[in-house]
Amino acid sequence: MYFAALLARTEDGWEASDTELDEVETLADLADLAREATEDDEPVLVCIEQEGAWFGVVRVEGEDDPRIFVSDAAAAARSSYGEILLTDELLGREPDERDDLDLLVDLDGTEDGEPPRNEEDDEGGVGSVPAGPVGDTDLLADFGVEGRVLLSLTPQDALGEIADALGCTDMLEAVR
């Protein structure tokens, strides 16, 4: 089960709202959704959690590129919402340069005579996605959630701990 919330900073503090991600297909779509939640360039946090498996936080400020943290990339890669956050840049890999014709010719992802790749790589992740946290561990440092604290949060407690640090626990729980 998934939960997604927008936390937008306003003049009066933080406002929380739950959000549907069914229409969101890309990180750009998610950033646009976040930008719509504020009238100025105040920070907006998009918090996503999959019950007991992983959580992610996307920080959007004005027209700056979104800053992203995902607690477990391999777990998130198995999720359609997680795949939105796991950009090539975040995972430190080159964008796939093959075009659609290449995909039609090579449907199993192997070359002639090459054995199919095992989904589990040597690092314990799925394909080329590492197991464990990825992204900007300091995206909440100015709100009192240091990188080491963010890394120590469990998926069950993360959004509550983040809301506590922001002072908006009651608002987040009201939309949960």
Protein backbone atom coordinates (compact mmCIF):
# COMPACT_ATOMS: atom_id res chain seq x y z
CA MET A 1 0.00 0.00 0.00
CA TYR A 2 1.26 3.45 -0.90
CA PHE A 3 0.87 6.82 0.70
CA ALA A 4 1.88 10.09 -0.93
CA ALA A 5 1.68 13.56 0.58
CA LEU A 6 2.70 17.07 -0.36
CA LEU A 7 4.18 19.22 2.40
CA ALA A 8 4.31 22.86 1.32
CA ARG A 9 5.91 25.61 3.38
CA THR A 10 3.85 28.78 3.61
CA GLU A 11 4.04 32.02 5.57
CA ASP A 12 1.99 30.33 8.30
CA GLY A 13 4.12 27.17 8.48
CA TRP A 14 3.72 23.85 6.71
CA GLU A 15 0.57 22.62 5.00
CA ALA A 16 0.01 18.97 4.24
CA SER A 17 -2.20 17.37 1.62
CA ASP A 18 -2.47 13.86 0.31
CA THR A 19 -1.96 13.49 -3.38
CA GLU A 20 -2.80 11.05 -6.12
CA LEU A 21 0.11 10.00 -8.30
CA ASP A 22 -1.90 8.04 -10.87
CA GLU A 23 -1.43 10.75 -13.52
CA VAL A 24 2.26 11.25 -12.71
CA GLU A 25 4.53 9.43 -15.16
CA THR A 26 7.86 11.25 -14.85
CA LEU A 27 9.91 13.19 -12.34
CA ALA A 28 9.06 16.35 -14.31
CA ASP A 29 5.34 15.64 -13.81
CA LEU A 30 5.94 15.16 -10.09
CA ALA A 31 7.91 18.42 -9.86
CA ASP A 32 5.12 20.28 -11.68
CA LEU A 33 2.57 18.84 -9.24
CA ALA A 34 4.69 20.06 -6.33
CA ARG A 35 5.13 23.53 -7.84
CA GLU A 36 1.34 23.86 -8.13
CA ALA A 37 1.09 23.45 -4.34
CA THR A 38 2.79 26.78 -3.65
CA GLU A 39 2.32 30.30 -4.95
CA ASP A 40 5.94 31.36 -4.54
CA ASP A 41 9.30 29.64 -4.50
CA GLU A 42 8.89 28.11 -1.03
CA PRO A 43 10.00 24.49 -0.68
CA VAL A 44 7.56 21.68 -1.32
CA LEU A 45 8.29 18.13 -0.23
CA VAL A 46 6.69 15.16 -1.92
CA CYS A 47 6.79 12.23 0.47
CA ILE A 48 6.06 8.74 -0.82
CA GLU A 49 6.09 5.54 1.16
CA GLN A 50 5.36 1.95 0.36
CA GLU A 51 4.30 0.28 3.55
CA GLY A 52 7.30 -1.36 5.18
CA ALA A 53 9.43 -1.42 2.02
CA TRP A 54 10.82 2.03 1.16
CA PHE A 55 10.22 5.76 1.34
CA GLY A 56 11.23 8.65 -0.85
CA VAL A 57 11.37 12.41 -0.46
CA VAL A 58 11.50 14.86 -3.35
CA ARG A 59 12.26 18.50 -2.57
CA VAL A 60 11.16 21.10 -5.12
CA GLU A 61 11.96 24.80 -4.81
CA GLY A 62 10.98 27.16 -7.58
CA GLU A 63 12.37 26.12 -10.94
CA ASP A 64 15.43 24.37 -9.46
CA ASP A 65 15.92 20.71 -10.29
CA PRO A 66 14.22 18.43 -7.77
CA ARG A 67 16.39 16.96 -5.04
CA ILE A 68 15.64 13.31 -4.33
CA PHE A 69 16.29 10.77 -1.59
CA VAL A 70 15.12 7.14 -1.76
CA SER A 71 15.66 4.85 1.24
CA ASP A 72 16.03 1.62 -0.77
CA ALA A 73 16.55 1.89 -4.51
CA ALA A 74 16.15 -1.83 -5.20
CA ALA A 75 12.79 -1.96 -3.39
CA ALA A 76 11.64 1.26 -5.09
CA ALA A 77 12.61 -0.12 -8.51
CA ARG A 78 9.90 -2.75 -8.10
CA SER A 79 7.30 0.02 -7.73
CA SER A 80 5.79 2.19 -10.43
CA TYR A 81 6.02 5.20 -8.10
CA GLY A 82 9.59 4.36 -7.18
CA GLU A 83 10.58 4.15 -10.83
CA ILE A 84 9.54 7.81 -11.20
CA LEU A 85 12.18 8.81 -8.64
CA LEU A 86 14.99 6.54 -9.82
CA THR A 87 16.40 8.64 -12.62
CA ASP A 88 19.54 7.70 -14.52
CA GLU A 89 21.30 10.66 -12.90
CA LEU A 90 20.29 9.58 -9.39
CA LEU A 91 21.55 6.05 -10.05
CA GLY A 92 24.77 7.30 -11.65
CA ARG A 93 24.23 5.61 -14.98
CA GLU A 94 24.20 6.81 -18.55
CA PRO A 95 20.77 7.23 -20.14
CA ASP A 96 19.78 4.34 -22.41
CA GLU A 97 20.78 5.46 -25.88
CA ARG A 98 19.10 2.62 -27.74
CA ASP A 99 16.11 3.51 -29.86
CA ASP A 100 12.81 1.62 -30.17
CA LEU A 101 14.01 -0.40 -33.19
CA ASP A 102 16.88 -1.82 -31.14
CA LEU A 103 14.42 -2.86 -28.46
CA LEU A 104 12.29 -4.73 -31.02
CA VAL A 105 15.28 -6.63 -32.39
CA ASP A 106 16.73 -7.46 -28.97
CA LEU A 107 13.68 -8.16 -26.82
CA ASP A 108 15.44 -10.16 -24.10
CA GLY A 109 18.19 -7.56 -23.60
CA THR A 110 20.98 -9.87 -24.72
CA GLU A 111 23.17 -10.06 -27.79
CA ASP A 112 23.37 -13.18 -29.95
CA GLY A 113 25.06 -15.94 -27.97
CA GLU A 114 25.11 -13.94 -24.72
CA PRO A 115 23.33 -15.60 -21.77
CA PRO A 116 20.37 -13.68 -20.32
CA ARG A 117 21.24 -11.43 -17.36
CA ASN A 118 20.13 -12.45 -13.93
CA GLU A 119 17.78 -9.87 -12.41
CA GLU A 120 19.65 -9.95 -9.12
CA ASP A 121 23.08 -8.39 -9.56
CA ASP A 122 26.11 -8.95 -7.36
CA GLU A 123 25.17 -5.99 -5.14
CA GLY A 124 21.80 -7.44 -4.18
CA GLY A 125 19.80 -4.95 -6.24
CA VAL A 126 17.55 -5.44 -9.22
CA GLY A 127 19.39 -5.10 -12.53
CA SER A 128 21.63 -2.05 -12.32
CA VAL A 129 19.79 -0.58 -9.31
CA PRO A 130 21.74 -0.78 -6.05
CA ALA A 131 20.22 -2.06 -2.83
CA GLY A 132 20.07 0.61 -0.16
CA PRO A 133 19.71 4.37 -0.07
CA VAL A 134 20.42 6.69 -2.99
CA GLY A 135 20.19 10.42 -3.51
CA ASP A 136 20.70 13.62 -1.60
CA THR A 137 20.92 12.78 2.10
CA ASP A 138 21.13 16.47 3.00
CA LEU A 139 17.93 17.63 1.28
CA LEU A 140 16.26 18.14 4.69
CA ALA A 141 19.30 19.30 6.70
CA ASP A 142 18.12 22.92 6.84
CA PHE A 143 14.85 21.67 8.40
CA GLY A 144 16.63 19.76 11.16
CA VAL A 145 16.88 16.31 9.57
CA GLU A 146 20.59 15.68 9.08
CA GLY A 147 21.78 13.16 6.51
CA ARG A 148 22.82 10.57 9.10
CA VAL A 149 19.33 10.80 10.65
CA LEU A 150 17.63 10.44 7.27
CA LEU A 151 19.74 7.35 6.57
CA SER A 152 18.73 5.81 9.88
CA LEU A 153 14.97 6.16 9.39
CA THR A 154 12.90 3.06 8.73
CA PRO A 155 10.12 3.11 6.12
CA GLN A 156 7.56 2.67 8.92
CA ASP A 157 8.70 5.77 10.84
CA ALA A 158 10.25 8.06 8.24
CA LEU A 159 7.36 10.33 7.27
CA GLY A 160 6.33 10.75 10.91
CA GLU A 161 9.89 11.68 11.92
CA ILE A 162 10.19 14.13 9.03
CA ALA A 163 6.83 15.70 9.91
CA ASP A 164 7.95 15.99 13.55
CA ALA A 165 11.08 17.87 12.50
CA LEU A 166 8.98 20.20 10.33
CA GLY A 167 6.37 20.72 13.04
CA CYS A 168 3.47 19.40 10.94
CA THR A 169 2.82 15.95 12.41
CA ASP A 170 -0.87 16.62 13.11
CA MET A 171 -1.45 17.89 9.57
CA LEU A 172 0.27 14.89 8.02
CA GLU A 173 -1.68 12.45 10.18
CA ALA A 174 -4.93 14.24 9.26
CA VAL A 175 -4.36 13.54 5.55
CA ARG A 176 -3.05 10.01 6.10
